[in-house]
Amino acid sequence: MIVTGPIAENRRARYDYEISDTLEAGIMLTGTEVKSLRTGKAQITEAYASPERGELWLINAHIPEYLQANRFNHEEKRPRKLLVSKKQLARLSQDVERAGNTIVPMKLYFNERGMAKVLIGVGKGKKSFDKRETEKKRDWNREKSRLLKQG
């Protein structure tokens, strides 16, 4: 049986950043990291991706230790390599350098083949007034749906 579905989601990403482009990337993991991900306790809220040394790295993602693995366990917050093509890497690093954007991991999940994937987004940080505007729109949509439901 192949486990699919979301593992961790960064729900604040769309609130804190104006996401312009998304991309699915593979992630290089060790065996204990995959087993730990299957328990569903990973966190990517403080993580970011950075192009360094010709590769894309996921930094500050927290994958807890797998309790059944004794001395062969992994480091919880180690940098993990993201797998993207050279063309995609060039475009991402150009966006980060030129436009001052940030590469934000938005979702960590297993695809239908059981492979761990990361949905990353290229975004620019929002100012506080932009965040208030987003909150107003969300509240208004919630209120509007409540009014339409009542009739």
C-alpha atoms as a PDB file:
ATOM      1  CA  MET A   1       0.000   0.000   0.000  1.00  0.00           C
ATOM      2  CA  ILE A   2       1.427   3.368  -1.060  1.00  0.00           C
ATOM      3  CA  VAL A   3       0.738   6.285   1.259  1.00  0.00           C
ATOM      4  CA  THR A   4      -0.198   9.459  -0.623  1.00  0.00           C
ATOM      5  CA  GLY A   5      -1.368  12.875   0.404  1.00  0.00           C
ATOM      6  CA  PRO A   6      -0.126  15.921   2.286  1.00  0.00           C
ATOM      7  CA  ILE A   7       2.494  15.642   5.032  1.00  0.00           C
ATOM      8  CA  ALA A   8       3.046  19.280   5.982  1.00  0.00           C
ATOM      9  CA  GLU A   9       1.588  22.526   4.730  1.00  0.00           C
ATOM     10  CA  ASN A  10       2.798  26.103   5.127  1.00  0.00           C
ATOM     11  CA  ARG A  11      -0.545  27.860   5.490  1.00  0.00           C
ATOM     12  CA  ARG A  12       1.053  31.238   6.232  1.00  0.00           C
ATOM     13  CA  ALA A  13       2.923  31.276   2.908  1.00  0.00           C
ATOM     14  CA  ARG A  14       0.081  32.876   0.936  1.00  0.00           C
ATOM     15  CA  TYR A  15      -0.594  35.271   3.826  1.00  0.00           C
ATOM     16  CA  ASP A  16       3.023  36.446   4.230  1.00  0.00           C
ATOM     17  CA  TYR A  17       4.052  36.342   0.552  1.00  0.00           C
ATOM     18  CA  GLU A  18       2.568  37.348  -2.780  1.00  0.00           C
ATOM     19  CA  ILE A  19       3.157  34.036  -4.611  1.00  0.00           C
ATOM     20  CA  SER A  20       3.722  34.555  -8.323  1.00  0.00           C
ATOM     21  CA  ASP A  21       4.828  31.106  -9.507  1.00  0.00           C
ATOM     22  CA  THR A  22       4.737  27.551  -8.139  1.00  0.00           C
ATOM     23  CA  LEU A  23       6.851  24.532  -8.968  1.00  0.00           C
ATOM     24  CA  GLU A  24       6.929  20.887  -7.887  1.00  0.00           C
ATOM     25  CA  ALA A  25      10.369  19.666  -6.822  1.00  0.00           C
ATOM     26  CA  GLY A  26      11.669  16.316  -5.650  1.00  0.00           C
ATOM     27  CA  ILE A  27      13.582  16.082  -2.388  1.00  0.00           C
ATOM     28  CA  MET A  28      16.597  13.920  -1.490  1.00  0.00           C
ATOM     29  CA  LEU A  29      15.940  12.102   1.785  1.00  0.00           C
ATOM     30  CA  THR A  30      17.542   9.327   3.804  1.00  0.00           C
ATOM     31  CA  GLY A  31      15.602   6.199   4.801  1.00  0.00           C
ATOM     32  CA  THR A  32      14.783   7.324   8.326  1.00  0.00           C
ATOM     33  CA  GLU A  33      13.546  10.684   7.017  1.00  0.00           C
ATOM     34  CA  VAL A  34      11.057   8.958   4.710  1.00  0.00           C
ATOM     35  CA  LYS A  35       9.814   6.743   7.531  1.00  0.00           C
ATOM     36  CA  SER A  36       9.472   9.785   9.769  1.00  0.00           C
ATOM     37  CA  LEU A  37       7.532  11.660   7.051  1.00  0.00           C
ATOM     38  CA  ARG A  38       5.062   8.780   6.803  1.00  0.00           C
ATOM     39  CA  THR A  39       4.091   9.479  10.435  1.00  0.00           C
ATOM     40  CA  GLY A  40       3.082  13.015   9.280  1.00  0.00           C
ATOM     41  CA  LYS A  41       4.863  15.144  11.866  1.00  0.00           C
ATOM     42  CA  ALA A  42       7.100  17.337   9.651  1.00  0.00           C
ATOM     43  CA  GLN A  43       7.025  21.153   9.784  1.00  0.00           C
ATOM     44  CA  ILE A  44       7.919  23.575   6.981  1.00  0.00           C
ATOM     45  CA  THR A  45       6.529  26.816   8.415  1.00  0.00           C
ATOM     46  CA  GLU A  46       9.982  28.348   9.021  1.00  0.00           C
ATOM     47  CA  ALA A  47      11.672  26.745   6.004  1.00  0.00           C
ATOM     48  CA  TYR A  48      12.900  28.394   2.817  1.00  0.00           C
ATOM     49  CA  ALA A  49      14.724  27.292  -0.323  1.00  0.00           C
ATOM     50  CA  SER A  50      18.020  28.762  -1.465  1.00  0.00           C
ATOM     51  CA  PRO A  51      20.039  28.279  -4.666  1.00  0.00           C
ATOM     52  CA  GLU A  52      23.639  27.643  -3.561  1.00  0.00           C
ATOM     53  CA  ARG A  53      26.623  26.103  -5.356  1.00  0.00           C
ATOM     54  CA  GLY A  54      24.594  25.300  -8.465  1.00  0.00           C
ATOM     55  CA  GLU A  55      21.928  23.384  -6.521  1.00  0.00           C
ATOM     56  CA  LEU A  56      18.660  24.185  -4.759  1.00  0.00           C
ATOM     57  CA  TRP A  57      18.557  23.501  -0.999  1.00  0.00           C
ATOM     58  CA  LEU A  58      15.652  23.305   1.437  1.00  0.00           C
ATOM     59  CA  ILE A  59      16.858  24.958   4.626  1.00  0.00           C
ATOM     60  CA  ASN A  60      15.370  24.874   8.134  1.00  0.00           C
ATOM     61  CA  ALA A  61      12.708  22.225   7.423  1.00  0.00           C
ATOM     62  CA  HIS A  62      12.038  20.141  10.535  1.00  0.00           C
ATOM     63  CA  ILE A  63      11.652  16.378  10.070  1.00  0.00           C
ATOM     64  CA  PRO A  64      11.608  14.749  13.528  1.00  0.00           C
ATOM     65  CA  GLU A  65      13.779  11.739  14.339  1.00  0.00           C
ATOM     66  CA  TYR A  66      12.334   8.320  13.585  1.00  0.00           C
ATOM     67  CA  LEU A  67      12.001   6.717  17.000  1.00  0.00           C
ATOM     68  CA  GLN A  68      12.550   3.094  15.891  1.00  0.00           C
ATOM     69  CA  ALA A  69      15.892   3.930  14.236  1.00  0.00           C
ATOM     70  CA  ASN A  70      18.517   3.930  16.948  1.00  0.00           C
ATOM     71  CA  ARG A  71      21.984   5.232  16.073  1.00  0.00           C
ATOM     72  CA  PHE A  72      21.372   5.517  12.322  1.00  0.00           C
ATOM     73  CA  ASN A  73      18.950   8.413  12.732  1.00  0.00           C
ATOM     74  CA  HIS A  74      19.082  11.645  10.733  1.00  0.00           C
ATOM     75  CA  GLU A  75      19.685  15.230  11.816  1.00  0.00           C
ATOM     76  CA  GLU A  76      16.337  17.011  12.231  1.00  0.00           C
ATOM     77  CA  LYS A  77      17.062  20.375  10.562  1.00  0.00           C
ATOM     78  CA  ARG A  78      19.784  19.513   8.075  1.00  0.00           C
ATOM     79  CA  PRO A  79      19.772  21.168   4.618  1.00  0.00           C
ATOM     80  CA  ARG A  80      18.096  18.904   2.063  1.00  0.00           C
ATOM     81  CA  LYS A  81      18.724  19.018  -1.661  1.00  0.00           C
ATOM     82  CA  LEU A  82      15.744  19.797  -3.888  1.00  0.00           C
ATOM     83  CA  LEU A  83      15.664  18.164  -7.315  1.00  0.00           C
ATOM     84  CA  VAL A  84      14.860  20.555 -10.157  1.00  0.00           C
ATOM     85  CA  SER A  85      16.108  20.785 -13.733  1.00  0.00           C
ATOM     86  CA  LYS A  86      18.964  23.130 -14.649  1.00  0.00           C
ATOM     87  CA  LYS A  87      16.588  25.369 -16.581  1.00  0.00           C
ATOM     88  CA  GLN A  88      14.227  25.663 -13.597  1.00  0.00           C
ATOM     89  CA  LEU A  89      17.168  26.291 -11.237  1.00  0.00           C
ATOM     90  CA  ALA A  90      18.481  29.078 -13.484  1.00  0.00           C
ATOM     91  CA  ARG A  91      15.052  30.722 -13.598  1.00  0.00           C
ATOM     92  CA  LEU A  92      14.595  30.450  -9.811  1.00  0.00           C
ATOM     93  CA  SER A  93      18.032  31.848  -8.992  1.00  0.00           C
ATOM     94  CA  GLN A  94      17.474  34.686 -11.478  1.00  0.00           C
ATOM     95  CA  ASP A  95      14.147  35.549  -9.807  1.00  0.00           C
ATOM     96  CA  VAL A  96      15.774  35.575  -6.373  1.00  0.00           C
ATOM     97  CA  GLU A  97      18.778  37.695  -7.389  1.00  0.00           C
ATOM     98  CA  ARG A  98      17.126  40.158  -9.750  1.00  0.00           C
ATOM     99  CA  ALA A  99      13.685  40.725  -8.292  1.00  0.00           C
ATOM    100  CA  GLY A 100      14.463  40.171  -4.611  1.00  0.00           C
ATOM    101  CA  ASN A 101      11.979  37.326  -4.289  1.00  0.00           C
ATOM    102  CA  THR A 102      12.035  34.408  -1.855  1.00  0.00           C
ATOM    103  CA  ILE A 103      11.562  30.712  -2.587  1.00  0.00           C
ATOM    104  CA  VAL A 104       9.003  29.444  -0.072  1.00  0.00           C
ATOM    105  CA  PRO A 105       8.031  25.780   0.422  1.00  0.00           C
ATOM    106  CA  MET A 106       4.248  25.658   0.455  1.00  0.00           C
ATOM    107  CA  LYS A 107       3.433  21.972   0.771  1.00  0.00           C
ATOM    108  CA  LEU A 108       5.294  18.724   1.469  1.00  0.00           C
ATOM    109  CA  TYR A 109       3.470  15.609   0.236  1.00  0.00           C
ATOM    110  CA  PHE A 110       3.709  12.120  -1.260  1.00  0.00           C
ATOM    111  CA  ASN A 111       2.589  11.924  -4.886  1.00  0.00           C
ATOM    112  CA  GLU A 112       0.575   9.037  -6.354  1.00  0.00           C
ATOM    113  CA  ARG A 113       3.782   6.993  -6.893  1.00  0.00           C
ATOM    114  CA  GLY A 114       4.735   7.391  -3.224  1.00  0.00           C
ATOM    115  CA  MET A 115       7.611   9.832  -3.865  1.00  0.00           C
ATOM    116  CA  ALA A 116       8.124  12.769  -1.495  1.00  0.00           C
ATOM    117  CA  LYS A 117       7.639  16.101  -3.271  1.00  0.00           C
ATOM    118  CA  VAL A 118       7.760  19.758  -2.248  1.00  0.00           C
ATOM    119  CA  LEU A 119       5.561  22.438  -3.802  1.00  0.00           C
ATOM    120  CA  ILE A 120       7.655  25.597  -3.804  1.00  0.00           C
ATOM    121  CA  GLY A 121       6.488  29.078  -4.647  1.00  0.00           C
ATOM    122  CA  VAL A 122       8.382  32.181  -5.729  1.00  0.00           C
ATOM    123  CA  GLY A 123       7.042  35.092  -3.765  1.00  0.00           C
ATOM    124  CA  LYS A 124       7.651  38.631  -2.672  1.00  0.00           C
ATOM    125  CA  GLY A 125       7.077  39.543   0.972  1.00  0.00           C
ATOM    126  CA  LYS A 126       3.857  41.427   1.691  1.00  0.00           C
ATOM    127  CA  LYS A 127       3.752  44.642   3.662  1.00  0.00           C
ATOM    128  CA  SER A 128       1.460  44.888   6.695  1.00  0.00           C
ATOM    129  CA  PHE A 129      -1.213  46.859   4.793  1.00  0.00           C
ATOM    130  CA  ASP A 130      -1.292  44.152   2.106  1.00  0.00           C
ATOM    131  CA  LYS A 131      -1.878  41.556   4.834  1.00  0.00           C
ATOM    132  CA  ARG A 132      -4.756  43.609   6.239  1.00  0.00           C
ATOM    133  CA  GLU A 133      -6.268  43.827   2.756  1.00  0.00           C
ATOM    134  CA  THR A 134      -6.036  40.033   2.414  1.00  0.00           C
ATOM    135  CA  GLU A 135      -7.771  39.605   5.780  1.00  0.00           C
ATOM    136  CA  LYS A 136     -10.565  41.990   4.765  1.00  0.00           C
ATOM    137  CA  LYS A 137     -11.184  40.068   1.528  1.00  0.00           C
ATOM    138  CA  ARG A 138     -11.202  36.730   3.354  1.00  0.00           C
ATOM    139  CA  ASP A 139     -13.607  38.015   6.024  1.00  0.00           C
ATOM    140  CA  TRP A 140     -15.896  39.531   3.413  1.00  0.00           C
ATOM    141  CA  ASN A 141     -16.012  36.281   1.417  1.00  0.00           C
ATOM    142  CA  ARG A 142     -16.813  34.359   4.592  1.00  0.00           C
ATOM    143  CA  GLU A 143     -19.587  36.825   5.506  1.00  0.00           C
ATOM    144  CA  LYS A 144     -20.954  36.779   1.949  1.00  0.00           C
ATOM    145  CA  SER A 145     -21.175  32.975   1.906  1.00  0.00           C
ATOM    146  CA  ARG A 146     -22.873  33.040   5.318  1.00  0.00           C
ATOM    147  CA  LEU A 147     -25.468  35.560   4.057  1.00  0.00           C
ATOM    148  CA  LEU A 148     -26.125  33.572   0.867  1.00  0.00           C
ATOM    149  CA  LYS A 149     -26.548  30.378   2.886  1.00  0.00           C
ATOM    150  CA  GLN A 150     -29.171  32.022   5.121  1.00  0.00           C
ATOM    151  CA  GLY A 151     -31.116  33.142   2.096  1.00  0.00           C
END
